[in-house]
Amino acid sequence: MAWTAPTTRTTGTLITASIWNADIVDNLDALKDPPTDHYELDEVSDYTTSSTSFTDVDATNLAMSVTTTGGDVIVEFHGTMMVNATYFFMLDIDVDGSREGGDDGILSFENASGEVKPVSFSRLITGLAAGSHTFKLQWKVMNGAATVTLSAGAGTSNKDVHGQFWAREVS
């Protein structure tokens, strides 16, 4: 249920059951259950990329769709990642076709070859208009000779980790 702006009242206005339900009950329900989308990784194989340009990690499962009433959305990711060489890898969020972080994204990590790292971020996306918005997790590596791997709950020995990606309206 979406938030609706309460009607302005004047002295003497009768508050009917339908007005009460729309202005109070429905809006409390909207605050309790804001628009949210999430995905927990549980794939048959881990994700990998050697792209030196930002690409979607998974354009289907890691593309959150939230229909907002307008305002701010918080986006969060946590997972376990590794690079097979000593290079940087970067993460970003695509919001409705535009990358949020610009240049090298919102996060950059340098890994020693084969080092497994927990990776997480929260990002507040502000000023969104009311309507449907899509948030995609994107990544790249600094050098195409490197491959970054995101553990995806695929049963990989000692890396069977189930990361999570989600988006929720917060205003």
C-alpha atoms as a PDB file:
ATOM      1  CA  MET A   1       0.000   0.000   0.000  1.00  0.00           C
ATOM      2  CA  ALA A   2       1.342   3.410  -0.951  1.00  0.00           C
ATOM      3  CA  TRP A   3       1.410   6.565   1.130  1.00  0.00           C
ATOM      4  CA  THR A   4      -1.197   9.184   0.218  1.00  0.00           C
ATOM      5  CA  ALA A   5      -1.066  12.774   1.409  1.00  0.00           C
ATOM      6  CA  PRO A   6      -3.720  13.322   4.091  1.00  0.00           C
ATOM      7  CA  THR A   7      -6.505  15.758   3.299  1.00  0.00           C
ATOM      8  CA  THR A   8      -6.262  19.196   4.926  1.00  0.00           C
ATOM      9  CA  ARG A   9      -9.036  19.600   7.510  1.00  0.00           C
ATOM     10  CA  THR A  10     -10.867  22.626   8.775  1.00  0.00           C
ATOM     11  CA  THR A  11     -12.743  23.055  12.031  1.00  0.00           C
ATOM     12  CA  GLY A  12     -16.096  21.331  11.872  1.00  0.00           C
ATOM     13  CA  THR A  13     -15.179  18.862   9.095  1.00  0.00           C
ATOM     14  CA  LEU A  14     -16.653  15.454   9.812  1.00  0.00           C
ATOM     15  CA  ILE A  15     -14.053  12.688   9.678  1.00  0.00           C
ATOM     16  CA  THR A  16     -15.849   9.702   8.201  1.00  0.00           C
ATOM     17  CA  ALA A  17     -14.700   6.087   8.376  1.00  0.00           C
ATOM     18  CA  SER A  18     -13.405   6.255   4.780  1.00  0.00           C
ATOM     19  CA  ILE A  19     -11.414   9.444   5.517  1.00  0.00           C
ATOM     20  CA  TRP A  20      -9.995   7.893   8.695  1.00  0.00           C
ATOM     21  CA  ASN A  21      -9.051   4.695   6.876  1.00  0.00           C
ATOM     22  CA  ALA A  22      -7.399   6.530   3.965  1.00  0.00           C
ATOM     23  CA  ASP A  23      -5.566   9.178   6.010  1.00  0.00           C
ATOM     24  CA  ILE A  24      -4.633   7.190   9.111  1.00  0.00           C
ATOM     25  CA  VAL A  25      -4.935   3.420   8.719  1.00  0.00           C
ATOM     26  CA  ASP A  26      -3.646   3.146   5.127  1.00  0.00           C
ATOM     27  CA  ASN A  27      -0.772   5.565   5.752  1.00  0.00           C
ATOM     28  CA  LEU A  28       0.303   3.704   8.896  1.00  0.00           C
ATOM     29  CA  ASP A  29       0.287   0.501   6.839  1.00  0.00           C
ATOM     30  CA  ALA A  30       2.433   2.246   4.193  1.00  0.00           C
ATOM     31  CA  LEU A  31       4.956   3.322   6.847  1.00  0.00           C
ATOM     32  CA  LYS A  32       5.084  -0.181   8.294  1.00  0.00           C
ATOM     33  CA  ASP A  33       5.575  -1.870   4.916  1.00  0.00           C
ATOM     34  CA  PRO A  34       7.489   0.499   2.578  1.00  0.00           C
ATOM     35  CA  PRO A  35       8.173  -0.479  -1.050  1.00  0.00           C
ATOM     36  CA  THR A  36      11.038  -2.993  -0.969  1.00  0.00           C
ATOM     37  CA  ASP A  37      12.733  -5.524  -3.223  1.00  0.00           C
ATOM     38  CA  HIS A  38      15.529  -7.916  -2.285  1.00  0.00           C
ATOM     39  CA  TYR A  39      17.431 -10.949  -3.529  1.00  0.00           C
ATOM     40  CA  GLU A  40      19.564 -13.454  -1.661  1.00  0.00           C
ATOM     41  CA  LEU A  41      22.228 -15.154  -3.766  1.00  0.00           C
ATOM     42  CA  ASP A  42      21.704 -18.910  -4.084  1.00  0.00           C
ATOM     43  CA  GLU A  43      22.967 -19.740  -7.565  1.00  0.00           C
ATOM     44  CA  VAL A  44      24.338 -22.838  -9.311  1.00  0.00           C
ATOM     45  CA  SER A  45      27.661 -21.076  -9.941  1.00  0.00           C
ATOM     46  CA  ASP A  46      29.528 -18.048  -8.659  1.00  0.00           C
ATOM     47  CA  TYR A  47      29.546 -14.811 -10.669  1.00  0.00           C
ATOM     48  CA  THR A  48      32.740 -13.721 -12.462  1.00  0.00           C
ATOM     49  CA  THR A  49      33.855 -10.846 -14.686  1.00  0.00           C
ATOM     50  CA  SER A  50      37.023  -9.590 -16.361  1.00  0.00           C
ATOM     51  CA  SER A  51      35.297  -6.522 -17.816  1.00  0.00           C
ATOM     52  CA  THR A  52      37.114  -3.212 -17.493  1.00  0.00           C
ATOM     53  CA  SER A  53      33.793  -1.400 -18.081  1.00  0.00           C
ATOM     54  CA  PHE A  54      30.922  -1.454 -15.625  1.00  0.00           C
ATOM     55  CA  THR A  55      28.525  -4.316 -16.380  1.00  0.00           C
ATOM     56  CA  ASP A  56      25.553  -5.790 -14.553  1.00  0.00           C
ATOM     57  CA  VAL A  57      26.513  -8.568 -12.164  1.00  0.00           C
ATOM     58  CA  ASP A  58      23.163 -10.245 -12.942  1.00  0.00           C
ATOM     59  CA  ALA A  59      20.640  -8.174 -14.932  1.00  0.00           C
ATOM     60  CA  THR A  60      17.763 -10.392 -13.783  1.00  0.00           C
ATOM     61  CA  ASN A  61      18.266 -11.422 -10.161  1.00  0.00           C
ATOM     62  CA  LEU A  62      20.317  -8.416  -9.015  1.00  0.00           C
ATOM     63  CA  ALA A  63      17.984  -5.811 -10.526  1.00  0.00           C
ATOM     64  CA  MET A  64      15.717  -4.511  -7.775  1.00  0.00           C
ATOM     65  CA  SER A  65      12.449  -2.846  -8.775  1.00  0.00           C
ATOM     66  CA  VAL A  66      10.772  -0.477  -6.325  1.00  0.00           C
ATOM     67  CA  THR A  67       7.726   1.681  -7.010  1.00  0.00           C
ATOM     68  CA  THR A  68       8.134   4.741  -4.822  1.00  0.00           C
ATOM     69  CA  THR A  69       5.920   7.595  -3.778  1.00  0.00           C
ATOM     70  CA  GLY A  70       8.876   9.894  -4.506  1.00  0.00           C
ATOM     71  CA  GLY A  71      11.902  10.645  -2.386  1.00  0.00           C
ATOM     72  CA  ASP A  72      14.807   8.562  -1.128  1.00  0.00           C
ATOM     73  CA  VAL A  73      15.720   4.886  -1.483  1.00  0.00           C
ATOM     74  CA  ILE A  74      18.433   3.049   0.410  1.00  0.00           C
ATOM     75  CA  VAL A  75      20.272   0.341  -1.524  1.00  0.00           C
ATOM     76  CA  GLU A  76      22.459  -2.242   0.202  1.00  0.00           C
ATOM     77  CA  PHE A  77      24.742  -5.046  -0.891  1.00  0.00           C
ATOM     78  CA  HIS A  78      26.844  -7.508   1.059  1.00  0.00           C
ATOM     79  CA  GLY A  79      28.773 -10.480  -0.239  1.00  0.00           C
ATOM     80  CA  THR A  80      32.168 -12.134  -0.512  1.00  0.00           C
ATOM     81  CA  MET A  81      34.496 -11.337  -3.413  1.00  0.00           C
ATOM     82  CA  MET A  82      37.942 -12.267  -4.671  1.00  0.00           C
ATOM     83  CA  VAL A  83      40.282 -11.230  -7.511  1.00  0.00           C
ATOM     84  CA  ASN A  84      42.721 -13.729  -9.044  1.00  0.00           C
ATOM     85  CA  ALA A  85      45.482 -11.103  -9.356  1.00  0.00           C
ATOM     86  CA  THR A  86      46.612  -8.066  -7.378  1.00  0.00           C
ATOM     87  CA  TYR A  87      44.272  -5.491  -8.910  1.00  0.00           C
ATOM     88  CA  PHE A  88      41.416  -3.218  -7.998  1.00  0.00           C
ATOM     89  CA  PHE A  89      37.797  -4.107  -8.531  1.00  0.00           C
ATOM     90  CA  MET A  90      34.972  -1.595  -8.360  1.00  0.00           C
ATOM     91  CA  LEU A  91      31.251  -1.671  -7.581  1.00  0.00           C
ATOM     92  CA  ASP A  92      28.483   0.701  -8.581  1.00  0.00           C
ATOM     93  CA  ILE A  93      24.692   0.938  -8.735  1.00  0.00           C
ATOM     94  CA  ASP A  94      22.836   1.608 -11.953  1.00  0.00           C
ATOM     95  CA  VAL A  95      19.670   3.604 -11.185  1.00  0.00           C
ATOM     96  CA  ASP A  96      17.190   3.623 -14.064  1.00  0.00           C
ATOM     97  CA  GLY A  97      20.012   3.400 -16.629  1.00  0.00           C
ATOM     98  CA  SER A  98      22.457   5.864 -15.003  1.00  0.00           C
ATOM     99  CA  ARG A  99      25.394   4.863 -12.850  1.00  0.00           C
ATOM    100  CA  GLU A 100      25.260   6.377  -9.372  1.00  0.00           C
ATOM    101  CA  GLY A 101      28.976   6.615  -8.567  1.00  0.00           C
ATOM    102  CA  GLY A 102      30.392   7.915 -11.830  1.00  0.00           C
ATOM    103  CA  ASP A 103      34.047   7.363 -12.833  1.00  0.00           C
ATOM    104  CA  ASP A 104      35.159   4.307 -10.834  1.00  0.00           C
ATOM    105  CA  GLY A 105      31.879   3.675  -8.996  1.00  0.00           C
ATOM    106  CA  ILE A 106      30.921   3.944  -5.357  1.00  0.00           C
ATOM    107  CA  LEU A 107      33.486   1.438  -4.008  1.00  0.00           C
ATOM    108  CA  SER A 108      36.977   0.374  -5.006  1.00  0.00           C
ATOM    109  CA  PHE A 109      38.913  -2.484  -3.441  1.00  0.00           C
ATOM    110  CA  GLU A 110      42.484  -3.634  -3.961  1.00  0.00           C
ATOM    111  CA  ASN A 111      42.962  -7.328  -3.461  1.00  0.00           C
ATOM    112  CA  ALA A 112      46.107  -9.361  -3.194  1.00  0.00           C
ATOM    113  CA  SER A 113      45.902 -12.273  -5.610  1.00  0.00           C
ATOM    114  CA  GLY A 114      43.365 -14.822  -4.373  1.00  0.00           C
ATOM    115  CA  GLU A 115      42.475 -12.876  -1.226  1.00  0.00           C
ATOM    116  CA  VAL A 116      38.818 -13.315  -0.263  1.00  0.00           C
ATOM    117  CA  LYS A 117      37.137 -10.175   1.110  1.00  0.00           C
ATOM    118  CA  PRO A 118      33.777  -9.423   2.637  1.00  0.00           C
ATOM    119  CA  VAL A 119      32.308  -6.491   0.739  1.00  0.00           C
ATOM    120  CA  SER A 120      29.308  -4.378   1.714  1.00  0.00           C
ATOM    121  CA  PHE A 121      27.833  -0.958   1.205  1.00  0.00           C
ATOM    122  CA  SER A 122      24.723   1.080   1.877  1.00  0.00           C
ATOM    123  CA  ARG A 123      23.924   3.940  -0.475  1.00  0.00           C
ATOM    124  CA  LEU A 124      21.186   6.542  -0.105  1.00  0.00           C
ATOM    125  CA  ILE A 125      19.720   7.473  -3.497  1.00  0.00           C
ATOM    126  CA  THR A 126      18.001  10.850  -3.146  1.00  0.00           C
ATOM    127  CA  GLY A 127      15.468  12.886  -5.068  1.00  0.00           C
ATOM    128  CA  LEU A 128      13.716  10.121  -6.987  1.00  0.00           C
ATOM    129  CA  ALA A 129      10.367  10.993  -8.550  1.00  0.00           C
ATOM    130  CA  ALA A 130       7.300   8.924  -7.713  1.00  0.00           C
ATOM    131  CA  GLY A 131       7.107   5.807  -9.872  1.00  0.00           C
ATOM    132  CA  SER A 132       8.937   2.595 -10.649  1.00  0.00           C
ATOM    133  CA  HIS A 133      12.738   2.560 -10.323  1.00  0.00           C
ATOM    134  CA  THR A 134      15.267  -0.171 -11.074  1.00  0.00           C
ATOM    135  CA  PHE A 135      18.533  -0.572  -9.158  1.00  0.00           C
ATOM    136  CA  LYS A 136      21.210  -2.886 -10.605  1.00  0.00           C
ATOM    137  CA  LEU A 137      24.456  -4.007  -9.018  1.00  0.00           C
ATOM    138  CA  GLN A 138      27.386  -3.387 -11.395  1.00  0.00           C
ATOM    139  CA  TRP A 139      31.099  -4.169 -11.298  1.00  0.00           C
ATOM    140  CA  LYS A 140      34.374  -4.002 -13.178  1.00  0.00           C
ATOM    141  CA  VAL A 141      38.077  -4.767 -12.729  1.00  0.00           C
ATOM    142  CA  MET A 142      40.927  -2.316 -13.235  1.00  0.00           C
ATOM    143  CA  ASN A 143      42.859  -4.633 -15.567  1.00  0.00           C
ATOM    144  CA  GLY A 144      41.328  -7.139 -18.009  1.00  0.00           C
ATOM    145  CA  ALA A 145      43.970  -9.694 -17.030  1.00  0.00           C
ATOM    146  CA  ALA A 146      42.187 -10.019 -13.676  1.00  0.00           C
ATOM    147  CA  THR A 147      38.969 -11.856 -12.917  1.00  0.00           C
ATOM    148  CA  VAL A 148      36.785 -10.898  -9.962  1.00  0.00           C
ATOM    149  CA  THR A 149      34.509 -13.542  -8.436  1.00  0.00           C
ATOM    150  CA  LEU A 150      31.407 -12.966  -6.319  1.00  0.00           C
ATOM    151  CA  SER A 151      30.509 -15.964  -4.175  1.00  0.00           C
ATOM    152  CA  ALA A 152      26.878 -16.775  -4.903  1.00  0.00           C
ATOM    153  CA  GLY A 153      25.920 -19.617  -2.581  1.00  0.00           C
ATOM    154  CA  ALA A 154      26.941 -22.095  -5.281  1.00  0.00           C
ATOM    155  CA  GLY A 155      28.542 -24.659  -2.993  1.00  0.00           C
ATOM    156  CA  THR A 156      32.111 -23.471  -3.631  1.00  0.00           C
ATOM    157  CA  SER A 157      34.358 -25.002  -0.982  1.00  0.00           C
ATOM    158  CA  ASN A 158      34.968 -22.537   1.879  1.00  0.00           C
ATOM    159  CA  LYS A 159      33.120 -19.817  -0.086  1.00  0.00           C
ATOM    160  CA  ASP A 160      29.514 -21.062  -0.031  1.00  0.00           C
ATOM    161  CA  VAL A 161      28.335 -17.600   0.997  1.00  0.00           C
ATOM    162  CA  HIS A 162      24.876 -16.172   0.273  1.00  0.00           C
ATOM    163  CA  GLY A 163      25.198 -12.436  -0.329  1.00  0.00           C
ATOM    164  CA  GLN A 164      22.212 -10.115  -0.479  1.00  0.00           C
ATOM    165  CA  PHE A 165      21.156  -7.082  -2.540  1.00  0.00           C
ATOM    166  CA  TRP A 166      18.148  -4.951  -1.649  1.00  0.00           C
ATOM    167  CA  ALA A 167      16.446  -1.586  -2.101  1.00  0.00           C
ATOM    168  CA  ARG A 168      13.833   0.109   0.115  1.00  0.00           C
ATOM    169  CA  GLU A 169      12.075   3.448   0.025  1.00  0.00           C
ATOM    170  CA  VAL A 170      12.908   5.398   3.179  1.00  0.00           C
ATOM    171  CA  SER A 171      11.007   8.643   2.670  1.00  0.00           C
END
